[in-house]
Protein backbone atom coordinates (compact mmCIF):
# COMPACT_ATOMS: atom_id res chain seq x y z
CA MET A 1 129.11 -98.55 -58.89
CA SER A 2 130.06 -96.21 -61.72
CA VAL A 3 133.63 -95.51 -62.77
CA SER A 4 135.01 -92.94 -64.91
CA VAL A 5 138.52 -93.71 -66.47
CA CYS A 6 140.54 -90.77 -67.48
CA ILE A 7 143.45 -91.05 -69.80
CA PRO A 8 145.93 -88.28 -70.43
CA THR A 9 147.95 -88.74 -73.53
CA CYS A 10 150.49 -86.83 -75.52
CA THR A 11 151.97 -88.12 -78.85
CA ARG A 12 152.04 -91.79 -78.04
CA PRO A 13 149.37 -93.24 -80.19
CA SER A 14 150.56 -96.80 -80.14
CA TYR A 15 150.84 -96.92 -76.39
CA PHE A 16 147.58 -95.00 -75.98
CA GLU A 17 145.81 -97.68 -77.91
CA GLU A 18 146.98 -100.36 -75.57
CA ALA A 19 145.81 -98.34 -72.60
CA LEU A 20 142.48 -97.63 -74.17
CA CYS A 21 141.88 -101.17 -75.34
CA SER A 22 142.77 -102.47 -71.84
CA VAL A 23 139.85 -100.44 -70.38
CA VAL A 24 137.53 -101.39 -72.97
CA GLY A 25 138.35 -104.95 -72.54
CA GLN A 26 137.40 -105.10 -68.99
CA GLU A 27 134.63 -107.39 -67.80
CA GLN A 28 133.26 -104.52 -65.82
CA SER A 29 132.73 -101.65 -68.10
CA PRO A 30 133.26 -98.14 -66.90
CA LYS A 31 130.48 -95.51 -67.03
CA GLU A 32 132.72 -93.35 -69.32
CA ILE A 33 136.25 -92.95 -70.66
CA ILE A 34 137.57 -89.42 -70.85
CA VAL A 35 140.61 -88.68 -72.81
CA GLY A 36 142.72 -85.46 -72.75
CA ASP A 37 145.01 -85.33 -75.75
CA ASP A 38 147.97 -82.94 -75.69
CA SER A 39 149.40 -84.29 -79.09
CA ASP A 40 150.24 -81.88 -81.91
CA ASP A 41 148.76 -84.13 -84.43
CA ALA A 42 145.62 -86.26 -85.05
CA ALA A 43 147.11 -89.78 -84.63
CA THR A 44 145.57 -90.42 -81.17
CA GLU A 45 142.05 -89.36 -82.37
CA ALA A 46 142.52 -91.98 -85.21
CA VAL A 47 143.18 -94.71 -82.64
CA ILE A 48 140.02 -94.00 -80.78
CA GLU A 49 138.01 -94.89 -83.79
CA GLY A 50 139.55 -98.44 -83.83
CA CYS A 51 139.02 -99.16 -80.20
CA ARG A 52 135.67 -97.52 -79.25
CA ALA A 53 133.48 -99.60 -76.83
CA GLN A 54 129.92 -99.88 -78.29
CA ASP A 55 128.38 -99.27 -74.70
CA VAL A 56 130.80 -96.92 -73.11
CA PRO A 57 130.66 -93.18 -73.92
CA LEU A 58 134.16 -91.99 -74.85
CA LEU A 59 134.65 -88.23 -74.38
CA TYR A 60 137.69 -86.97 -76.36
CA LYS A 61 139.19 -83.46 -76.34
CA ARG A 62 142.46 -82.31 -78.09
CA HIS A 63 144.13 -79.52 -76.32
CA THR A 64 145.58 -76.74 -78.44
CA PRO A 65 147.80 -75.67 -77.08
CA SER A 66 148.91 -78.47 -74.96
CA LEU A 67 147.92 -78.09 -71.24
CA GLY A 68 150.78 -80.13 -69.92
CA GLN A 69 150.42 -83.38 -67.82
CA SER A 70 149.27 -81.96 -64.61
CA LYS A 71 146.68 -79.58 -66.08
CA ASN A 72 145.50 -82.21 -68.40
CA VAL A 73 144.97 -84.74 -65.39
CA HIS A 74 143.11 -81.92 -63.44
CA SER A 75 140.97 -81.20 -66.40
CA LEU A 76 140.01 -84.88 -66.78
CA LEU A 77 139.20 -85.31 -63.22
CA GLN A 78 136.90 -82.23 -63.33
CA GLN A 79 134.96 -83.77 -66.12
CA ALA A 80 134.36 -87.19 -64.52
CA THR A 81 130.72 -88.02 -63.70
CA GLY A 82 131.11 -91.49 -62.21
CA GLU A 83 131.05 -92.21 -58.35
CA TYR A 84 134.60 -93.32 -58.76
CA VAL A 85 137.55 -92.21 -60.95
CA MET A 86 140.78 -93.78 -62.24
CA VAL A 87 143.64 -92.03 -64.00
CA LEU A 88 145.42 -94.33 -66.48
CA HIS A 89 148.26 -92.76 -68.27
CA ASP A 90 148.74 -93.30 -71.90
CA ASP A 91 151.87 -95.75 -71.39
CA ASP A 92 150.19 -98.04 -68.99
CA LYS A 93 147.37 -100.51 -69.22
CA LEU A 94 145.03 -102.52 -66.88
CA VAL A 95 145.42 -106.12 -66.39
CA GLU A 96 142.40 -108.25 -66.92
CA GLY A 97 139.95 -107.96 -64.13
CA ALA A 98 141.45 -104.88 -62.63
CA LEU A 99 138.41 -102.81 -62.43
CA GLU A 100 136.48 -105.64 -60.93
CA ARG A 101 138.95 -106.25 -58.30
CA LEU A 102 139.18 -102.42 -57.32
CA ILE A 103 135.44 -102.18 -57.19
CA ALA A 104 135.23 -105.12 -55.03
CA CYS A 105 137.49 -103.23 -52.42
CA PHE A 106 134.71 -100.50 -52.19
CA GLN A 107 131.98 -103.16 -51.97
CA ASP A 108 133.81 -105.02 -49.11
CA ASN A 109 134.43 -101.72 -47.12
CA ALA A 110 132.21 -98.66 -47.94
CA LYS A 111 134.17 -96.37 -45.71
CA ILE A 112 137.41 -96.48 -47.80
CA ASP A 113 138.21 -93.56 -50.17
CA ALA A 114 140.64 -95.20 -52.50
CA ALA A 115 141.89 -98.67 -53.70
CA PHE A 116 145.10 -99.65 -55.60
CA GLY A 117 146.89 -102.88 -56.40
CA LYS A 118 150.20 -103.97 -57.53
CA GLN A 119 152.02 -102.77 -60.54
CA GLN A 120 153.53 -104.68 -63.34
CA VAL A 121 156.61 -103.62 -65.35
CA ILE A 122 156.18 -104.60 -69.09
CA ASP A 123 158.82 -104.47 -71.84
CA ALA A 124 158.31 -102.87 -75.20
CA GLU A 125 156.72 -105.97 -76.48
CA GLY A 126 154.08 -106.04 -73.74
CA GLY A 127 155.65 -108.85 -71.74
CA VAL A 128 155.63 -108.79 -67.94
CA ARG A 129 159.12 -108.25 -66.49
CA LYS A 130 158.64 -110.46 -63.48
CA ASP A 131 161.96 -109.60 -61.88
CA ARG A 132 161.34 -105.87 -62.04
CA THR A 133 157.84 -106.10 -61.07
CA ARG A 134 158.72 -107.95 -58.01
CA VAL A 135 161.37 -105.32 -56.99
CA LEU A 136 159.07 -102.42 -57.76
CA ASN A 137 156.32 -103.82 -55.57
CA GLN A 138 158.63 -104.74 -52.81
CA ALA A 139 160.13 -101.20 -52.69
CA PHE A 140 156.77 -99.48 -52.21
CA ASP A 141 155.32 -102.08 -49.76
CA ARG A 142 152.76 -103.56 -52.31
CA THR A 143 153.33 -107.05 -50.73
CA PRO A 144 151.05 -109.66 -49.24
CA GLU A 145 151.96 -108.58 -45.54
CA HIS A 146 150.80 -104.90 -46.44
CA GLU A 147 147.72 -106.10 -48.38
CA GLY A 148 144.28 -104.83 -47.31
CA ARG A 149 143.02 -101.74 -45.54
CA GLN A 150 146.05 -99.37 -44.70
CA GLY A 151 146.40 -98.18 -41.20
CA SER A 152 147.67 -94.73 -42.28
CA SER A 153 146.82 -93.06 -45.52
CA LEU A 154 149.56 -90.61 -44.81
CA ARG A 155 152.19 -93.49 -44.57
CA SER A 156 150.93 -94.89 -47.85
CA VAL A 157 151.51 -91.46 -49.63
CA ILE A 158 154.76 -90.73 -48.06
CA THR A 159 156.24 -94.14 -48.83
CA GLN A 160 154.78 -93.92 -52.33
CA GLN A 161 152.80 -97.10 -51.76
CA PHE A 162 149.87 -95.40 -53.50
CA PRO A 163 150.91 -95.58 -57.23
CA ASN A 164 150.88 -92.71 -59.73
CA ASP A 165 147.95 -94.31 -61.65
CA GLY A 166 145.75 -97.31 -61.98
CA TYR A 167 144.08 -96.60 -58.61
CA LEU A 168 140.25 -96.09 -58.06
CA VAL A 169 139.21 -93.14 -55.74
CA ARG A 170 136.01 -91.37 -54.99
CA THR A 171 135.35 -88.72 -57.57
CA GLU A 172 134.26 -86.21 -55.10
CA LEU A 173 137.47 -86.61 -53.29
CA ALA A 174 139.67 -86.32 -56.45
CA GLN A 175 137.71 -83.22 -57.65
CA ARG A 176 137.98 -81.57 -54.15
CA VAL A 177 141.79 -82.36 -53.78
CA GLY A 178 142.65 -81.63 -57.53
C-alpha cells in the first residue's frame, strides 16, 4: 500500500520541521512527501535539508505568490501518486505508528474509503495535554464506543468526527472530490 503525505505550510519552519520529522520517523515509510510552501522566505526550504529521509522522495514547491491554504491543499492532492493520501498541516505531527495503524484499517476492510483516529492536543513544548485531548475526542465522537467502521459517512462529516488532517483516504477519491 503506497501513501502520499501532503504538507501545506506557511511561515512556520519550526512547526513544519516537527511535522516533517514525524512523517520521516514513521516505521512505515510513505511513498512520497509533497510540500507546498506559501512562505515569503526560504526558511522552510532550509528545514527540508535537515530532515530529509534517504529513501522517501520529497517533492517541494514554493508558491510565489502564495496560493492560500485551500488552493495549496488542492494542489498537493492533485500531485499525489500513492494509492492513499494524507494531509498533515505544518503545525501538526504524527504519533509513532500512525501510518501503520491507518494502513491496517484498509488491510482489515478493503471496502472503506477513509480512516482516521484520535487527535492529541500538544502544548508549545510538544507535551500532550491529556485533559484537552480527552475533551476534544469526546466532543467529536472519537471514543471507544464509536470505534471501528462508521455506519454513516454523512454523520461522521456533519458531527466533525472526521478530523481536518491526519486521516488517510483513497487518493482517487480525494482528487475527484477536491
